[in-house]
Amino acid sequence: MPTYEYRCTNCEHELEEFQKITDEPLLKCPNCKKDYLKRGIGGGGSTLQFKGSGFYITDYTKQKEGCKEGS
């Protein structure tokens, strides 16, 4: 589930909310209690992360003749 950033266009209050993609966006600002929240996609803790080897262009280059893997 993504973390969405919300910002109130009335009072400029900002917050993050962990929601399903199919959930309806929040409308009411918890700060000013008015329906002025706008939703964007946030970074949060659910960002895509690559860990380990195998994600670099150098990992896919052809090996030189005479070189063996691991040497």
Protein backbone atom coordinates (compact mmCIF):
# COMPACT_ATOMS: atom_id res chain seq x y z
CA MET A 1 0.00 0.00 0.00
CA PRO A 2 1.34 3.45 -0.85
CA THR A 3 1.78 6.36 1.49
CA TYR A 4 0.00 9.46 0.26
CA GLU A 5 0.92 13.02 1.09
CA TYR A 6 -1.95 15.35 1.75
CA ARG A 7 -1.84 19.13 1.85
CA CYS A 8 -4.62 21.48 2.86
CA THR A 9 -5.08 24.35 0.43
CA ASN A 10 -6.82 26.34 3.15
CA CYS A 11 -4.37 26.22 6.10
CA GLU A 12 -1.29 24.63 4.41
CA HIS A 13 -1.29 21.70 6.88
CA GLU A 14 0.58 18.63 5.57
CA LEU A 15 0.17 14.98 6.56
CA GLU A 16 0.90 11.48 5.30
CA GLU A 17 -1.62 8.66 5.21
CA PHE A 18 -1.02 4.95 4.53
CA GLN A 19 -3.90 3.88 2.24
CA LYS A 20 -4.89 1.38 -0.40
CA ILE A 21 -4.88 2.66 -3.97
CA THR A 22 -8.62 1.99 -4.14
CA ASP A 23 -9.41 3.99 -0.98
CA GLU A 24 -11.22 7.26 -1.43
CA PRO A 25 -8.98 10.31 -0.87
CA LEU A 26 -9.33 12.12 2.43
CA LEU A 27 -11.11 15.45 2.13
CA LYS A 28 -11.38 16.93 5.61
CA CYS A 29 -8.28 18.58 7.04
CA PRO A 30 -7.62 17.45 10.64
CA ASN A 31 -6.21 20.90 11.41
CA CYS A 32 -8.84 23.36 10.15
CA LYS A 33 -11.71 20.80 9.77
CA LYS A 34 -12.55 22.00 6.23
CA ASP A 35 -12.73 19.97 3.00
CA TYR A 36 -9.60 21.33 1.32
CA LEU A 37 -7.18 18.36 1.33
CA LYS A 38 -5.39 17.49 -1.91
CA ARG A 39 -3.72 14.10 -2.29
CA GLY A 40 -0.34 13.41 -3.87
CA ILE A 41 1.93 10.37 -3.88
CA GLY A 42 4.51 10.44 -1.10
CA GLY A 43 7.84 8.79 -0.52
CA GLY A 44 6.98 7.20 2.78
CA GLY A 45 8.21 3.79 3.78
CA SER A 46 6.75 1.94 0.84
CA THR A 47 9.11 3.18 -1.83
CA LEU A 48 10.66 0.73 -4.28
CA GLN A 49 14.13 -0.33 -3.15
CA PHE A 50 16.67 -2.51 -4.95
CA LYS A 51 18.98 -4.43 -2.65
CA GLY A 52 21.85 -6.71 -3.52
CA SER A 53 23.83 -7.08 -6.70
CA GLY A 54 22.44 -7.40 -10.19
CA PHE A 55 21.01 -3.93 -10.67
CA TYR A 56 23.96 -2.21 -12.33
CA ILE A 57 24.79 -1.99 -16.01
CA THR A 58 28.28 -3.34 -15.27
CA ASP A 59 26.71 -6.57 -14.02
CA TYR A 60 25.48 -7.33 -17.52
CA THR A 61 28.56 -6.59 -19.60
CA LYS A 62 30.29 -9.34 -21.53
CA GLN A 63 33.28 -10.86 -19.80
CA LYS A 64 36.67 -10.57 -21.45
CA GLU A 65 38.07 -13.67 -23.11
CA GLY A 66 40.27 -15.71 -20.80
CA CYS A 67 38.62 -14.33 -17.64
CA LYS A 68 36.57 -16.68 -15.53
CA GLU A 69 33.83 -15.60 -13.21
CA GLY A 70 35.10 -15.09 -9.67
CA SER A 71 38.72 -14.38 -10.68
